[in-house]
Amino acid sequence: MNIRSKCSRTKHLLSIFWLSGFLGFSLLLLTHIYKYRKGSEEYRELNRILWKNRTESGENVDCNKDILFEDSLKQINSDYIFWLSIPGTSIDYPVVKSALPGYYLNHTFQGNENSCGSLFVQGETEQTNRGNTVIFGHNMKDGSMFADLKHYKNKDFYENHKILHIYYNGKRYEGFIFSCQIRDEEELECYQTEFSTIAQKHEFISSMKASSLYPIPVSLPEQASVITLSTCYGRSERMIVQAALVCYTE
């Protein structure tokens, strides 16, 4: 075999190698896109079924006029705790808790394995009227789950989305966001869930307000419960958005 033939064969093999790599990468990408869509479709369908007056496109309507069928949610998944919604954002999901650590990192509300996972709490935390309830969720590239939290780094976004709603045990709680932070993943202060005294809770809230990316001058009731939303921000940081539940409606 002469040199020219060897070069031709080498080029041919390299072409096959690069083509195989490209096809493999394309297949992997398409698989991820398909899973993202399946997860998003599942939650949109759940939304459509369980909220009155919800349109087929999943558009938000006036939450004051909607009733969440919590019994239906518990029948679908006994790990259901409450529903979280931030009007004007894509955050409008059920929140769960599992006895299996990490289960909801890659399982949807209906138990299907999917990288979008679910919004979930850890440990024994499950009541919205005590301490600090920490809710974790993925920062998905398709804009689902907790992806919108990253926009809270801009104060203008906060000004237009400063209230969250939690539907729990037949009541709709309203929470005012009082702190938006970007934290190193090793900084765990914001994840404190229990407080032995009211003074300790006040100290925690004051510390969180001082750590906010921008000042949020809001006065909070003494008995206000805290909700902490947490998602990944880059490789080694976390986006933290915290709110105080200040009132509820029957």
C-alpha atoms as a PDB file:
ATOM      1  CA  MET A   1       0.000   0.000   0.000  1.00  0.00           C
ATOM      2  CA  ASN A   2       1.493   3.328  -1.052  1.00  0.00           C
ATOM      3  CA  ILE A   3       1.532   6.515   1.003  1.00  0.00           C
ATOM      4  CA  ARG A   4      -1.336   8.071  -0.958  1.00  0.00           C
ATOM      5  CA  SER A   5      -3.583   5.062  -0.282  1.00  0.00           C
ATOM      6  CA  LYS A   6      -2.695   5.134   3.426  1.00  0.00           C
ATOM      7  CA  CYS A   7      -3.573   8.846   3.649  1.00  0.00           C
ATOM      8  CA  SER A   8      -6.863   8.250   1.843  1.00  0.00           C
ATOM      9  CA  ARG A   9      -7.767   5.411   4.197  1.00  0.00           C
ATOM     10  CA  THR A  10      -6.842   7.507   7.255  1.00  0.00           C
ATOM     11  CA  LYS A  11      -9.026  10.375   6.067  1.00  0.00           C
ATOM     12  CA  HIS A  12     -11.868   7.950   5.465  1.00  0.00           C
ATOM     13  CA  LEU A  13     -11.574   6.497   8.983  1.00  0.00           C
ATOM     14  CA  LEU A  14     -11.394   9.974  10.508  1.00  0.00           C
ATOM     15  CA  SER A  15     -14.506  10.995   8.589  1.00  0.00           C
ATOM     16  CA  ILE A  16     -16.349   7.966   9.927  1.00  0.00           C
ATOM     17  CA  PHE A  17     -15.097   8.732  13.452  1.00  0.00           C
ATOM     18  CA  TRP A  18     -16.221  12.372  13.374  1.00  0.00           C
ATOM     19  CA  LEU A  19     -19.541  11.466  11.764  1.00  0.00           C
ATOM     20  CA  SER A  20     -20.189   8.836  14.438  1.00  0.00           C
ATOM     21  CA  GLY A  21     -19.315  11.348  17.145  1.00  0.00           C
ATOM     22  CA  PHE A  22     -21.599  13.976  15.629  1.00  0.00           C
ATOM     23  CA  LEU A  23     -24.483  11.515  15.323  1.00  0.00           C
ATOM     24  CA  GLY A  24     -23.940  10.330  18.895  1.00  0.00           C
ATOM     25  CA  PHE A  25     -23.906  13.885  20.222  1.00  0.00           C
ATOM     26  CA  SER A  26     -27.007  14.770  18.198  1.00  0.00           C
ATOM     27  CA  LEU A  27     -28.844  11.719  19.537  1.00  0.00           C
ATOM     28  CA  LEU A  28     -27.881  12.622  23.114  1.00  0.00           C
ATOM     29  CA  LEU A  29     -29.024  16.213  22.591  1.00  0.00           C
ATOM     30  CA  LEU A  30     -32.333  15.111  21.101  1.00  0.00           C
ATOM     31  CA  THR A  31     -32.848  12.716  24.004  1.00  0.00           C
ATOM     32  CA  HIS A  32     -32.321  15.533  26.509  1.00  0.00           C
ATOM     33  CA  ILE A  33     -34.684  17.819  24.600  1.00  0.00           C
ATOM     34  CA  TYR A  34     -37.296  15.063  24.461  1.00  0.00           C
ATOM     35  CA  LYS A  35     -37.049  14.470  28.214  1.00  0.00           C
ATOM     36  CA  TYR A  36     -37.275  18.208  28.936  1.00  0.00           C
ATOM     37  CA  ARG A  37     -40.429  18.420  26.834  1.00  0.00           C
ATOM     38  CA  LYS A  38     -41.961  15.334  28.406  1.00  0.00           C
ATOM     39  CA  GLY A  39     -41.380  16.736  31.894  1.00  0.00           C
ATOM     40  CA  SER A  40     -42.784  20.150  30.970  1.00  0.00           C
ATOM     41  CA  GLU A  41     -45.804  18.583  29.264  1.00  0.00           C
ATOM     42  CA  GLU A  42     -46.518  16.481  32.345  1.00  0.00           C
ATOM     43  CA  TYR A  43     -46.594  19.512  34.627  1.00  0.00           C
ATOM     44  CA  ARG A  44     -48.631  21.567  32.150  1.00  0.00           C
ATOM     45  CA  GLU A  45     -51.197  18.786  31.972  1.00  0.00           C
ATOM     46  CA  LEU A  46     -51.271  18.545  35.765  1.00  0.00           C
ATOM     47  CA  ASN A  47     -51.838  22.299  35.919  1.00  0.00           C
ATOM     48  CA  ARG A  48     -54.600  22.162  33.328  1.00  0.00           C
ATOM     49  CA  ILE A  49     -56.473  19.369  35.083  1.00  0.00           C
ATOM     50  CA  LEU A  50     -56.253  20.619  38.651  1.00  0.00           C
ATOM     51  CA  TRP A  51     -56.995  24.348  38.343  1.00  0.00           C
ATOM     52  CA  LYS A  52     -60.418  25.698  37.499  1.00  0.00           C
ATOM     53  CA  ASN A  53     -60.546  28.093  34.534  1.00  0.00           C
ATOM     54  CA  ARG A  54     -56.998  27.174  33.489  1.00  0.00           C
ATOM     55  CA  THR A  55     -56.564  27.500  29.706  1.00  0.00           C
ATOM     56  CA  GLU A  56     -55.148  24.766  27.509  1.00  0.00           C
ATOM     57  CA  SER A  57     -51.995  26.828  26.933  1.00  0.00           C
ATOM     58  CA  GLY A  58     -51.251  26.929  30.656  1.00  0.00           C
ATOM     59  CA  GLU A  59     -51.636  30.698  30.946  1.00  0.00           C
ATOM     60  CA  ASN A  60     -51.971  31.994  34.498  1.00  0.00           C
ATOM     61  CA  VAL A  61     -55.328  33.342  35.569  1.00  0.00           C
ATOM     62  CA  ASP A  62     -56.368  35.207  38.695  1.00  0.00           C
ATOM     63  CA  CYS A  63     -55.246  32.898  41.520  1.00  0.00           C
ATOM     64  CA  ASN A  64     -57.870  34.465  43.837  1.00  0.00           C
ATOM     65  CA  LYS A  65     -60.595  32.851  41.728  1.00  0.00           C
ATOM     66  CA  ASP A  66     -58.995  29.425  41.472  1.00  0.00           C
ATOM     67  CA  ILE A  67     -59.349  26.493  43.841  1.00  0.00           C
ATOM     68  CA  LEU A  68     -56.643  23.882  44.081  1.00  0.00           C
ATOM     69  CA  PHE A  69     -57.947  20.332  44.379  1.00  0.00           C
ATOM     70  CA  GLU A  70     -55.487  19.160  47.028  1.00  0.00           C
ATOM     71  CA  ASP A  71     -57.264  15.853  47.572  1.00  0.00           C
ATOM     72  CA  SER A  72     -56.748  15.018  43.895  1.00  0.00           C
ATOM     73  CA  LEU A  73     -53.058  15.837  44.178  1.00  0.00           C
ATOM     74  CA  LYS A  74     -52.659  13.615  47.216  1.00  0.00           C
ATOM     75  CA  GLN A  75     -54.361  10.791  45.339  1.00  0.00           C
ATOM     76  CA  ILE A  76     -51.860  11.166  42.504  1.00  0.00           C
ATOM     77  CA  ASN A  77     -48.891  11.370  44.885  1.00  0.00           C
ATOM     78  CA  SER A  78     -49.060  10.905  48.654  1.00  0.00           C
ATOM     79  CA  ASP A  79     -45.767  12.844  48.971  1.00  0.00           C
ATOM     80  CA  TYR A  80     -47.613  16.052  48.028  1.00  0.00           C
ATOM     81  CA  ILE A  81     -47.295  18.844  50.638  1.00  0.00           C
ATOM     82  CA  PHE A  82     -48.463  22.104  49.065  1.00  0.00           C
ATOM     83  CA  TRP A  83     -48.604  24.085  45.824  1.00  0.00           C
ATOM     84  CA  LEU A  84     -46.214  26.967  45.107  1.00  0.00           C
ATOM     85  CA  SER A  85     -46.942  29.733  42.614  1.00  0.00           C
ATOM     86  CA  ILE A  86     -45.219  33.023  41.770  1.00  0.00           C
ATOM     87  CA  PRO A  87     -47.632  35.000  39.570  1.00  0.00           C
ATOM     88  CA  GLY A  88     -46.104  36.248  36.338  1.00  0.00           C
ATOM     89  CA  THR A  89     -43.400  33.560  36.265  1.00  0.00           C
ATOM     90  CA  SER A  90     -43.229  29.936  35.142  1.00  0.00           C
ATOM     91  CA  ILE A  91     -43.037  28.808  38.789  1.00  0.00           C
ATOM     92  CA  ASP A  92     -46.391  27.114  39.389  1.00  0.00           C
ATOM     93  CA  TYR A  93     -45.818  23.606  40.744  1.00  0.00           C
ATOM     94  CA  PRO A  94     -46.661  21.098  43.458  1.00  0.00           C
ATOM     95  CA  VAL A  95     -44.069  20.629  46.210  1.00  0.00           C
ATOM     96  CA  VAL A  96     -43.268  17.175  47.579  1.00  0.00           C
ATOM     97  CA  LYS A  97     -41.246  15.403  50.246  1.00  0.00           C
ATOM     98  CA  SER A  98     -39.907  11.857  50.025  1.00  0.00           C
ATOM     99  CA  ALA A  99     -38.449   9.523  52.618  1.00  0.00           C
ATOM    100  CA  LEU A 100     -35.875   8.581  49.958  1.00  0.00           C
ATOM    101  CA  PRO A 101     -33.091  11.233  49.901  1.00  0.00           C
ATOM    102  CA  GLY A 102     -32.540  12.668  46.427  1.00  0.00           C
ATOM    103  CA  TYR A 103     -35.486  10.840  44.856  1.00  0.00           C
ATOM    104  CA  TYR A 104     -37.100  13.977  43.469  1.00  0.00           C
ATOM    105  CA  LEU A 105     -33.899  15.238  41.924  1.00  0.00           C
ATOM    106  CA  ASN A 106     -34.745  13.078  38.919  1.00  0.00           C
ATOM    107  CA  HIS A 107     -38.384  12.054  39.349  1.00  0.00           C
ATOM    108  CA  THR A 108     -41.449  14.076  38.438  1.00  0.00           C
ATOM    109  CA  PHE A 109     -44.522  14.560  40.597  1.00  0.00           C
ATOM    110  CA  GLN A 110     -46.124  11.544  38.961  1.00  0.00           C
ATOM    111  CA  GLY A 111     -43.068   9.380  39.625  1.00  0.00           C
ATOM    112  CA  ASN A 112     -41.608   9.350  36.122  1.00  0.00           C
ATOM    113  CA  GLU A 113     -37.823   9.390  35.849  1.00  0.00           C
ATOM    114  CA  ASN A 114     -36.866  12.725  34.306  1.00  0.00           C
ATOM    115  CA  SER A 115     -33.983  15.163  34.765  1.00  0.00           C
ATOM    116  CA  CYS A 116     -36.403  18.025  35.487  1.00  0.00           C
ATOM    117  CA  GLY A 117     -37.289  16.376  38.806  1.00  0.00           C
ATOM    118  CA  SER A 118     -39.736  18.085  41.174  1.00  0.00           C
ATOM    119  CA  LEU A 119     -39.818  20.918  43.664  1.00  0.00           C
ATOM    120  CA  PHE A 120     -39.142  19.300  47.021  1.00  0.00           C
ATOM    121  CA  VAL A 121     -38.277  19.822  50.664  1.00  0.00           C
ATOM    122  CA  GLN A 122     -35.891  17.711  52.691  1.00  0.00           C
ATOM    123  CA  GLY A 123     -35.840  16.379  56.237  1.00  0.00           C
ATOM    124  CA  GLU A 124     -38.881  16.641  58.449  1.00  0.00           C
ATOM    125  CA  THR A 125     -39.950  20.070  57.170  1.00  0.00           C
ATOM    126  CA  GLU A 126     -43.459  20.005  55.772  1.00  0.00           C
ATOM    127  CA  GLN A 127     -45.497  22.691  57.518  1.00  0.00           C
ATOM    128  CA  THR A 128     -45.653  26.265  56.301  1.00  0.00           C
ATOM    129  CA  ASN A 129     -46.400  27.748  59.713  1.00  0.00           C
ATOM    130  CA  ARG A 130     -43.118  26.916  61.432  1.00  0.00           C
ATOM    131  CA  GLY A 131     -39.527  28.075  61.068  1.00  0.00           C
ATOM    132  CA  ASN A 132     -38.030  28.147  57.588  1.00  0.00           C
ATOM    133  CA  THR A 133     -39.329  25.825  54.871  1.00  0.00           C
ATOM    134  CA  VAL A 134     -36.597  25.265  52.255  1.00  0.00           C
ATOM    135  CA  ILE A 135     -37.749  24.271  48.762  1.00  0.00           C
ATOM    136  CA  PHE A 136     -35.221  22.942  46.224  1.00  0.00           C
ATOM    137  CA  GLY A 137     -35.639  22.790  42.460  1.00  0.00           C
ATOM    138  CA  HIS A 138     -33.555  22.556  39.301  1.00  0.00           C
ATOM    139  CA  ASN A 139     -32.526  25.562  37.204  1.00  0.00           C
ATOM    140  CA  MET A 140     -33.663  24.008  33.918  1.00  0.00           C
ATOM    141  CA  LYS A 141     -32.329  25.276  30.601  1.00  0.00           C
ATOM    142  CA  ASP A 142     -35.794  25.208  29.054  1.00  0.00           C
ATOM    143  CA  GLY A 143     -37.026  27.738  31.616  1.00  0.00           C
ATOM    144  CA  SER A 144     -39.030  25.296  33.723  1.00  0.00           C
ATOM    145  CA  MET A 145     -38.949  24.464  37.448  1.00  0.00           C
ATOM    146  CA  PHE A 146     -36.847  27.093  39.329  1.00  0.00           C
ATOM    147  CA  ALA A 147     -35.164  28.594  36.244  1.00  0.00           C
ATOM    148  CA  ASP A 148     -36.946  31.934  36.767  1.00  0.00           C
ATOM    149  CA  LEU A 149     -35.297  32.412  40.168  1.00  0.00           C
ATOM    150  CA  LYS A 150     -32.108  33.601  38.468  1.00  0.00           C
ATOM    151  CA  HIS A 151     -33.954  36.700  37.236  1.00  0.00           C
ATOM    152  CA  TYR A 152     -34.217  37.897  40.832  1.00  0.00           C
ATOM    153  CA  LYS A 153     -30.616  39.080  40.581  1.00  0.00           C
ATOM    154  CA  ASN A 154     -32.180  42.118  38.865  1.00  0.00           C
ATOM    155  CA  LYS A 155     -34.180  44.420  41.135  1.00  0.00           C
ATOM    156  CA  ASP A 156     -36.577  45.370  38.330  1.00  0.00           C
ATOM    157  CA  PHE A 157     -37.669  41.732  38.086  1.00  0.00           C
ATOM    158  CA  TYR A 158     -38.183  41.617  41.841  1.00  0.00           C
ATOM    159  CA  GLU A 159     -40.319  44.760  41.754  1.00  0.00           C
ATOM    160  CA  ASN A 160     -42.709  43.044  39.343  1.00  0.00           C
ATOM    161  CA  HIS A 161     -42.686  39.635  41.061  1.00  0.00           C
ATOM    162  CA  LYS A 162     -42.379  40.313  44.786  1.00  0.00           C
ATOM    163  CA  ILE A 163     -45.268  38.126  45.973  1.00  0.00           C
ATOM    164  CA  LEU A 164     -45.612  34.338  46.026  1.00  0.00           C
ATOM    165  CA  HIS A 165     -48.591  32.139  46.845  1.00  0.00           C
ATOM    166  CA  ILE A 166     -48.697  28.852  48.709  1.00  0.00           C
ATOM    167  CA  TYR A 167     -51.811  26.668  48.779  1.00  0.00           C
ATOM    168  CA  TYR A 168     -51.776  24.523  51.877  1.00  0.00           C
ATOM    169  CA  ASN A 169     -54.517  22.674  53.768  1.00  0.00           C
ATOM    170  CA  GLY A 170     -57.323  24.558  52.073  1.00  0.00           C
ATOM    171  CA  LYS A 171     -55.792  28.006  52.561  1.00  0.00           C
ATOM    172  CA  ARG A 172     -53.972  30.348  50.196  1.00  0.00           C
ATOM    173  CA  TYR A 173     -50.968  31.929  51.910  1.00  0.00           C
ATOM    174  CA  GLU A 174     -49.416  35.108  50.557  1.00  0.00           C
ATOM    175  CA  GLY A 175     -45.699  35.690  50.977  1.00  0.00           C
ATOM    176  CA  PHE A 176     -43.634  38.829  50.446  1.00  0.00           C
ATOM    177  CA  ILE A 177     -40.100  38.315  49.141  1.00  0.00           C
ATOM    178  CA  PHE A 178     -37.615  40.032  51.437  1.00  0.00           C
ATOM    179  CA  SER A 179     -34.204  38.721  50.289  1.00  0.00           C
ATOM    180  CA  CYS A 180     -32.598  37.663  46.992  1.00  0.00           C
ATOM    181  CA  GLN A 181     -29.089  36.233  47.261  1.00  0.00           C
ATOM    182  CA  ILE A 182     -26.377  34.471  45.295  1.00  0.00           C
ATOM    183  CA  ARG A 183     -24.554  32.188  47.714  1.00  0.00           C
ATOM    184  CA  ASP A 184     -21.571  29.882  47.460  1.00  0.00           C
ATOM    185  CA  GLU A 185     -22.778  26.283  47.719  1.00  0.00           C
ATOM    186  CA  GLU A 186     -20.806  25.841  50.949  1.00  0.00           C
ATOM    187  CA  GLU A 187     -22.577  28.746  52.676  1.00  0.00           C
ATOM    188  CA  LEU A 188     -25.379  27.025  54.531  1.00  0.00           C
ATOM    189  CA  GLU A 189     -26.672  29.762  56.833  1.00  0.00           C
ATOM    190  CA  CYS A 190     -29.750  30.398  54.681  1.00  0.00           C
ATOM    191  CA  TYR A 191     -30.844  26.753  55.071  1.00  0.00           C
ATOM    192  CA  GLN A 192     -31.484  26.951  58.821  1.00  0.00           C
ATOM    193  CA  THR A 193     -34.975  25.526  59.284  1.00  0.00           C
ATOM    194  CA  GLU A 194     -35.719  25.777  63.014  1.00  0.00           C
ATOM    195  CA  PHE A 195     -35.565  28.588  65.561  1.00  0.00           C
ATOM    196  CA  SER A 196     -35.778  28.086  69.314  1.00  0.00           C
ATOM    197  CA  THR A 197     -37.067  31.622  69.978  1.00  0.00           C
ATOM    198  CA  ILE A 198     -38.741  34.484  68.147  1.00  0.00           C
ATOM    199  CA  ALA A 199     -35.579  36.513  68.705  1.00  0.00           C
ATOM    200  CA  GLN A 200     -33.514  33.868  66.926  1.00  0.00           C
ATOM    201  CA  LYS A 201     -35.880  33.985  63.956  1.00  0.00           C
ATOM    202  CA  HIS A 202     -35.649  37.801  63.872  1.00  0.00           C
ATOM    203  CA  GLU A 203     -31.870  37.534  63.884  1.00  0.00           C
ATOM    204  CA  PHE A 204     -32.020  35.078  60.973  1.00  0.00           C
ATOM    205  CA  ILE A 205     -34.334  37.303  58.929  1.00  0.00           C
ATOM    206  CA  SER A 206     -32.172  40.367  59.616  1.00  0.00           C
ATOM    207  CA  SER A 207     -29.085  38.470  58.464  1.00  0.00           C
ATOM    208  CA  MET A 208     -30.827  37.306  55.288  1.00  0.00           C
ATOM    209  CA  LYS A 209     -32.029  40.842  54.495  1.00  0.00           C
ATOM    210  CA  ALA A 210     -28.498  42.161  54.995  1.00  0.00           C
ATOM    211  CA  SER A 211     -27.188  39.506  52.558  1.00  0.00           C
ATOM    212  CA  SER A 212     -29.632  40.455  49.810  1.00  0.00           C
ATOM    213  CA  LEU A 213     -28.229  41.578  46.456  1.00  0.00           C
ATOM    214  CA  TYR A 214     -30.164  44.821  46.890  1.00  0.00           C
ATOM    215  CA  PRO A 215     -32.048  46.354  49.823  1.00  0.00           C
ATOM    216  CA  ILE A 216     -35.696  45.351  50.219  1.00  0.00           C
ATOM    217  CA  PRO A 217     -37.384  47.648  52.757  1.00  0.00           C
ATOM    218  CA  VAL A 218     -40.258  45.476  53.915  1.00  0.00           C
ATOM    219  CA  SER A 219     -41.622  45.176  57.451  1.00  0.00           C
ATOM    220  CA  LEU A 220     -42.507  41.624  58.494  1.00  0.00           C
ATOM    221  CA  PRO A 221     -44.946  40.454  61.192  1.00  0.00           C
ATOM    222  CA  GLU A 222     -43.427  38.898  64.297  1.00  0.00           C
ATOM    223  CA  GLN A 223     -44.931  35.467  63.678  1.00  0.00           C
ATOM    224  CA  ALA A 224     -44.206  35.377  59.919  1.00  0.00           C
ATOM    225  CA  SER A 225     -43.004  32.012  58.635  1.00  0.00           C
ATOM    226  CA  VAL A 226     -40.119  31.927  56.161  1.00  0.00           C
ATOM    227  CA  ILE A 227     -40.016  30.202  52.769  1.00  0.00           C
ATOM    228  CA  THR A 228     -36.600  29.728  51.115  1.00  0.00           C
ATOM    229  CA  LEU A 229     -36.365  28.840  47.427  1.00  0.00           C
ATOM    230  CA  SER A 230     -33.024  27.423  46.302  1.00  0.00           C
ATOM    231  CA  THR A 231     -31.599  26.471  42.903  1.00  0.00           C
ATOM    232  CA  CYS A 232     -28.208  26.104  41.231  1.00  0.00           C
ATOM    233  CA  TYR A 233     -26.547  29.211  39.824  1.00  0.00           C
ATOM    234  CA  GLY A 234     -23.479  28.350  37.795  1.00  0.00           C
ATOM    235  CA  ARG A 235     -21.225  25.518  38.927  1.00  0.00           C
ATOM    236  CA  SER A 236     -20.668  26.341  42.579  1.00  0.00           C
ATOM    237  CA  GLU A 237     -23.267  28.896  43.613  1.00  0.00           C
ATOM    238  CA  ARG A 238     -26.922  28.930  44.586  1.00  0.00           C
ATOM    239  CA  MET A 239     -29.659  31.426  43.833  1.00  0.00           C
ATOM    240  CA  ILE A 240     -31.671  32.007  46.993  1.00  0.00           C
ATOM    241  CA  VAL A 241     -35.030  33.771  47.143  1.00  0.00           C
ATOM    242  CA  GLN A 242     -36.714  34.129  50.530  1.00  0.00           C
ATOM    243  CA  ALA A 243     -40.216  35.200  51.451  1.00  0.00           C
ATOM    244  CA  ALA A 244     -42.250  35.636  54.630  1.00  0.00           C
ATOM    245  CA  LEU A 245     -45.805  34.313  54.758  1.00  0.00           C
ATOM    246  CA  VAL A 246     -47.847  37.165  56.167  1.00  0.00           C
ATOM    247  CA  CYS A 247     -51.491  36.300  55.541  1.00  0.00           C
ATOM    248  CA  TYR A 248     -53.863  33.684  54.198  1.00  0.00           C
ATOM    249  CA  THR A 249     -57.393  33.368  52.877  1.00  0.00           C
ATOM    250  CA  GLU A 250     -59.859  30.565  53.531  1.00  0.00           C
END
